[in-house]
């Protein structure tokens, strides 16, 4: 009999909400901030949301294990794909000429939510590859470390997962639209900033994981786990 958990579904919901925000709100917007030591730095606005999905991924894998984290990743993938398709459908439907402000509203909606197909595909593919790698690396490090030094696997898995995520997303979405230097610069800046968020949040992640393990009565080690991503088995 498969056991149920008190907080697993709540974390799943939070994970999907963050993914939808990162995918729909400003994936193409480039922000410029004057940062200490770095000067004027360009990075994607999605960085406000996306690192949180990796923190949730760390919590899920650390507490519940790779198999349950895998189900959440596929839930996020399905939600992103559905939201992307429905956004295209809604924008493509003809606006009623009799409705007030439709003439102004349609272009505004297209600007806000009409991300190009390259951005949508890049975002979804990068998310899947990056999140599965993050979960895989964390699970393997946990077994190898015997459950000690959680900070090392939280940061290490993020370095790999976020690195591959950025490496996939920015060339797929923007190479040929932006200059090569721009793509590389934004890609590196986003990767470093995402890792920095993980470093800053690691004490919080560690405490949350410890509390969840105690509340759920579980601390999963993936010693005999089938790490294929193409499964929904628990």
Protein backbone atom coordinates (compact mmCIF):
# COMPACT_ATOMS: atom_id res chain seq x y z
CA UNK A 1 0.00 0.00 0.00
CA UNK A 2 1.37 3.40 -1.01
CA UNK A 3 1.51 5.85 1.86
CA UNK A 4 0.11 9.37 1.60
CA UNK A 5 1.82 12.54 2.75
CA UNK A 6 0.41 15.63 4.39
CA UNK A 7 2.34 18.30 2.48
CA UNK A 8 3.38 16.71 -0.81
CA UNK A 9 0.38 18.00 -2.79
CA UNK A 10 0.83 21.52 -1.38
CA UNK A 11 4.45 21.62 -2.56
CA UNK A 12 3.34 20.27 -5.94
CA UNK A 13 0.83 23.12 -6.27
CA UNK A 14 3.41 25.74 -5.30
CA UNK A 15 5.91 24.26 -7.76
CA UNK A 16 3.44 24.41 -10.66
CA UNK A 17 2.37 27.97 -9.76
CA UNK A 18 5.97 29.18 -9.85
CA UNK A 19 6.57 27.47 -13.20
CA UNK A 20 3.50 29.06 -14.76
CA UNK A 21 4.58 32.50 -13.53
CA UNK A 22 8.10 32.05 -14.87
CA UNK A 23 6.81 30.87 -18.24
CA UNK A 24 4.03 33.43 -18.76
CA UNK A 25 5.32 36.59 -17.07
CA UNK A 26 8.17 38.24 -18.89
CA UNK A 27 10.23 35.34 -20.29
CA UNK A 28 11.47 37.60 -23.09
CA UNK A 29 12.01 40.72 -20.99
CA UNK A 30 15.62 41.57 -20.26
CA UNK A 31 16.22 43.58 -17.10
CA UNK A 32 19.29 45.69 -16.49
CA UNK A 33 20.51 46.42 -12.97
CA UNK A 34 23.64 48.12 -11.71
CA UNK A 35 25.02 45.43 -9.40
CA UNK A 36 27.91 45.72 -6.92
CA UNK A 37 31.22 44.49 -8.40
CA UNK A 38 29.51 43.56 -11.69
CA UNK A 39 28.30 46.96 -12.88
CA UNK A 40 25.41 47.10 -15.35
CA UNK A 41 24.20 43.52 -15.79
CA UNK A 42 21.50 42.20 -18.12
CA UNK A 43 19.42 39.18 -17.13
CA UNK A 44 16.04 37.64 -17.91
CA UNK A 45 13.07 38.74 -15.79
CA UNK A 46 12.08 35.11 -15.30
CA UNK A 47 14.87 34.84 -12.74
CA UNK A 48 12.43 36.33 -10.20
CA UNK A 49 10.47 33.08 -10.30
CA UNK A 50 12.43 30.22 -11.80
CA UNK A 51 15.04 29.64 -9.06
CA UNK A 52 12.18 28.94 -6.67
CA UNK A 53 11.19 25.92 -8.77
CA UNK A 54 14.64 24.44 -8.19
CA UNK A 55 14.34 25.06 -4.45
CA UNK A 56 11.01 23.22 -4.46
CA UNK A 57 12.68 20.50 -6.54
CA UNK A 58 15.45 20.21 -3.95
CA UNK A 59 12.91 19.87 -1.15
CA UNK A 60 10.89 17.24 -3.02
CA UNK A 61 13.91 15.09 -3.90
CA UNK A 62 15.58 15.46 -0.51
CA UNK A 63 12.46 14.54 1.47
CA UNK A 64 10.30 12.36 -0.79
CA UNK A 65 12.86 11.01 -3.25
CA UNK A 66 13.44 11.10 -6.99
CA UNK A 67 10.35 9.09 -7.98
CA UNK A 68 7.88 11.49 -6.35
CA UNK A 69 9.86 14.51 -7.54
CA UNK A 70 9.65 13.07 -11.07
CA UNK A 71 5.84 13.08 -10.88
CA UNK A 72 5.90 16.75 -9.89
CA UNK A 73 8.23 17.63 -12.77
CA UNK A 74 5.86 15.97 -15.24
CA UNK A 75 2.94 17.83 -13.64
CA UNK A 76 4.81 21.08 -14.18
CA UNK A 77 5.58 20.12 -17.77
CA UNK A 78 1.91 19.36 -18.47
CA UNK A 79 0.80 22.65 -16.88
CA UNK A 80 3.32 24.68 -18.90
CA UNK A 81 2.39 22.95 -22.14
CA UNK A 82 -1.35 23.40 -21.53
CA UNK A 83 -0.93 27.08 -20.61
CA UNK A 84 1.21 27.72 -23.69
CA UNK A 85 -1.24 26.03 -26.08
CA UNK A 86 -4.27 27.75 -24.56
CA UNK A 87 -2.53 31.13 -24.70
CA UNK A 88 -1.94 30.69 -28.42
CA UNK A 89 -5.55 29.55 -28.93
CA UNK A 90 -7.04 32.52 -27.05
CA UNK A 91 -4.84 35.05 -28.85
CA UNK A 92 -5.67 33.52 -32.23
CA UNK A 93 -9.44 33.70 -31.71
CA UNK A 94 -11.03 36.74 -33.41
CA UNK A 95 -11.82 39.60 -31.06
CA UNK A 96 -15.37 40.92 -31.09
CA UNK A 97 -15.52 44.36 -32.70
CA UNK A 98 -18.50 45.20 -30.48
CA UNK A 99 -16.69 44.73 -27.17
CA UNK A 100 -15.30 47.86 -25.56
CA UNK A 101 -11.53 48.36 -25.76
CA UNK A 102 -10.94 45.15 -27.78
CA UNK A 103 -9.08 47.11 -30.45
CA UNK A 104 -6.55 48.20 -27.82
CA UNK A 105 -6.69 45.04 -25.73
CA UNK A 106 -5.74 42.51 -28.40
CA UNK A 107 -2.33 44.06 -29.24
CA UNK A 108 -1.59 44.46 -25.54
CA UNK A 109 -2.39 40.79 -24.87
CA UNK A 110 -0.22 39.74 -27.80
CA UNK A 111 2.65 41.80 -26.43
CA UNK A 112 2.28 40.42 -22.89
CA UNK A 113 1.47 36.78 -23.62
CA UNK A 114 2.30 36.17 -27.26
CA UNK A 115 5.82 34.85 -26.74
CA UNK A 116 7.30 33.36 -29.88
CA UNK A 117 7.35 29.63 -30.47
CA UNK A 118 11.11 29.53 -29.89
CA UNK A 119 10.74 31.02 -26.41
CA UNK A 120 7.92 28.63 -25.53
CA UNK A 121 9.76 25.54 -26.78
CA UNK A 122 13.05 26.63 -25.25
CA UNK A 123 11.43 27.25 -21.89
CA UNK A 124 9.62 23.90 -21.76
CA UNK A 125 12.56 21.81 -23.01
CA UNK A 126 15.08 23.59 -20.77
CA UNK A 127 12.82 23.15 -17.74
CA UNK A 128 12.46 19.40 -18.28
CA UNK A 129 16.16 18.73 -18.83
CA UNK A 130 17.33 21.06 -16.08
CA UNK A 131 14.87 19.88 -13.43
CA UNK A 132 15.48 16.19 -14.06
CA UNK A 133 19.23 16.75 -13.86
CA UNK A 134 18.85 18.76 -10.66
CA UNK A 135 16.81 15.98 -9.04
CA UNK A 136 19.09 13.21 -10.32
CA UNK A 137 22.30 14.88 -9.13
CA UNK A 138 20.82 15.67 -5.71
CA UNK A 139 19.54 12.11 -5.20
CA UNK A 140 22.89 10.60 -6.19
CA UNK A 141 24.85 13.00 -3.98
CA UNK A 142 22.59 12.25 -1.01
CA UNK A 143 23.29 8.51 -1.26
CA UNK A 144 27.00 9.04 -1.78
CA UNK A 145 27.24 11.46 1.16
CA UNK A 146 25.13 9.25 3.43
CA UNK A 147 22.65 12.06 3.95
CA UNK A 148 25.26 14.45 5.34
CA UNK A 149 26.08 17.98 4.13
CA UNK A 150 22.72 18.83 2.52
CA UNK A 151 23.99 22.31 1.63
CA UNK A 152 26.57 20.77 -0.72
CA UNK A 153 24.01 18.81 -2.73
CA UNK A 154 21.49 21.67 -2.80
CA UNK A 155 24.08 23.99 -4.32
CA UNK A 156 25.83 21.35 -6.43
CA UNK A 157 22.64 20.09 -8.05
CA UNK A 158 21.56 23.65 -8.78
CA UNK A 159 24.88 24.46 -10.45
CA UNK A 160 24.32 21.54 -12.83
CA UNK A 161 20.55 21.90 -13.33
CA UNK A 162 20.46 25.68 -13.74
CA UNK A 163 23.59 25.62 -15.88
CA UNK A 164 22.05 23.18 -18.36
CA UNK A 165 18.72 25.01 -18.21
CA UNK A 166 20.32 28.31 -19.23
CA UNK A 167 22.57 26.59 -21.78
CA UNK A 168 19.49 25.13 -23.51
CA UNK A 169 16.99 27.99 -23.17
CA UNK A 170 18.85 31.07 -24.38
CA UNK A 171 20.33 29.65 -27.61
CA UNK A 172 17.03 27.96 -28.53
CA UNK A 173 14.99 31.09 -27.77
CA UNK A 174 17.23 33.92 -28.90
CA UNK A 175 20.25 32.85 -30.96
CA UNK A 176 19.94 34.64 -34.30
CA UNK A 177 17.62 37.25 -32.75
CA UNK A 178 20.18 38.57 -30.30
CA UNK A 179 23.88 38.75 -31.01
CA UNK A 180 26.02 35.81 -29.86
CA UNK A 181 27.70 38.03 -27.26
CA UNK A 182 24.29 39.06 -25.89
CA UNK A 183 23.09 35.45 -25.67
CA UNK A 184 26.24 34.34 -23.86
CA UNK A 185 26.24 37.34 -21.52
CA UNK A 186 22.59 36.96 -20.46
CA UNK A 187 22.97 33.17 -20.19
CA UNK A 188 25.97 33.42 -17.86
CA UNK A 189 24.43 36.23 -15.79
CA UNK A 190 21.21 34.25 -15.31
CA UNK A 191 23.09 31.10 -14.34
CA UNK A 192 25.23 32.92 -11.77
CA UNK A 193 22.27 34.79 -10.29
CA UNK A 194 20.17 31.61 -10.05
CA UNK A 195 23.00 29.83 -8.24
CA UNK A 196 23.39 32.84 -5.96
CA UNK A 197 19.68 32.63 -5.06
CA UNK A 198 20.18 28.96 -4.17
CA UNK A 199 23.21 29.79 -2.01
CA UNK A 200 21.30 32.50 -0.15
CA UNK A 201 18.24 30.27 0.30
CA UNK A 202 20.16 27.11 1.29
CA UNK A 203 19.78 27.67 5.08
CA UNK A 204 16.01 28.06 4.60
CA UNK A 205 15.85 24.99 2.33
CA UNK A 206 17.79 22.96 4.89
CA UNK A 207 15.45 23.92 7.74
CA UNK A 208 12.32 23.28 5.66
CA UNK A 209 13.61 19.84 4.65
CA UNK A 210 14.38 18.93 8.25
CA UNK A 211 10.91 20.03 9.41
CA UNK A 212 9.20 18.16 6.56
CA UNK A 213 11.13 14.96 7.25
CA UNK A 214 10.02 15.13 10.86
CA UNK A 215 6.39 15.94 10.00
CA UNK A 216 6.09 13.31 7.27
CA UNK A 217 8.16 10.65 9.01
CA UNK A 218 10.24 10.04 5.90
CA UNK A 219 13.79 10.63 4.68
CA UNK A 220 14.16 8.95 1.30
CA UNK A 221 17.44 7.55 -0.03
CA UNK A 222 17.32 6.59 -3.71
CA UNK A 223 19.49 3.49 -3.43
CA UNK A 224 17.40 1.25 -5.70
CA UNK A 225 15.55 3.87 -7.74
CA UNK A 226 15.00 3.59 -11.48
CA UNK A 227 16.16 7.03 -12.62
CA UNK A 228 14.50 7.01 -16.01
CA UNK A 229 12.60 10.28 -16.46
CA UNK A 230 9.97 8.53 -18.57
CA UNK A 231 7.87 7.08 -15.77
CA UNK A 232 5.20 8.13 -13.30
CA UNK A 233 5.79 5.28 -10.86
CA UNK A 234 6.18 6.28 -7.22
